[in-house]
């Protein structure tokens, strides 16, 4: 059927094929789902495809009316197959995870966000929505030659600035979109500042203590001085279009642990220029420090949350010396000081859209008066995550698409997006 996406799978050589005998399926936690055409979009430019080791692809057999794992390569039944997932570009929120059946020896998946993918009318399709129209991290807007030239030039000219050197490596080695935008002199620039953290997030992308899961990038190993921070921030704030500078990046721990350094840096920035937006990405663990930074000139905050339910929040973040209530208070502190507050809401289909999670989120929005929910895909093995959280998989799910609609209907003043917005 031309209007139904076909299952895709990978053979032993890693080549990807479609198999029209089975319809593409998605997963909502432990439940396999058929997908509606209204939920599918072409695979966004800049997305990647991943092979899922020791996981059989699952599709829907229309003739039999049931979901079926693909046990082997239909072109060579003696050979195994692997499920395929998409890692979709920034600004898009996934609606379903890939449908697969894991073998007993299936290894833990690396820290990426896995989205269902199929084949329809000559192209790959994914169940996702564009949640933010901002193009700041769209693949086509990056100029690799310009980034390499600008990063290399600044790294050579500013050899003594350790933060600038660190960000140059982030741009050139890891392809960090925020660092790349810094060296294209535009939009949001990163200001990592803390090598330490007071949480032990199970999905931390910059530090993993076990041997079964690798961090996807190196954490900053030093605390930059206010002069080093401002050497990056002030030129950006002064000249970049729609300028934002943000403490709290994937390559660091918790920036609030360096509140004294951040305070001095913010005051230096604001003494130099009133232009642009100063933002803090944080776990929100120290409301008193947030208050201090607001007095210094901090304008916006983004507090990371995997769940608005305290028990699930604390099982993911494993906080040391703070609680969910502190994170909630930090949002309120910024609002009380006239600032802009958002949450970095880690989305996983089948968990984020549980009815009890929606009820908890409604309460959080009402109590804090937050301005923006950044609907960001959680980078983690979905089965492992749900197991670690001891999630109740029997809870009623409303669907990610419906969750988005209900937030918009009930809280029309709350923005949905993916990025920290410029405020001036």
Foldseek 3Di string as FASTA:
>chain_A
DQLFFFFWWAFPVRDIDGDRQFTFWFAFQPDIGGDDSVQKDFQAPPKDKDWFPQKFAWGARPVVRGIDTDADDPVDRVTHITHMWMQGFFQKFAFGFGDIHHDPPGAWDAQTFTWTWTDHPHGIMTRIDRQAPDCLQRPVPFDVVQLLVQLVVVCVVPVVQPQSVVLSCCCPPVVPSQSSVLSVLAAEHEQEFAADAQWDFPSQQADDDDDRYHRVDHADDHGGALVSRCVSQQSSQVDHYQYEYEYDDSRHYFCLVVLVRLLVNLLVNVVRDPGWAYEYEGCQFALVSLLSSVVSPHAEYEHEAQFLDFLLRCLRGVGHPGGPVSNLSNLQSNVVSVHAYEYAHADRRLACQFPVRLVSVVVSCVVRVHAEYAHHHGRGRSNVSCVSSVDDSVTDGDTPVVSVVVCCVVPVRHGYTHDDGMDD
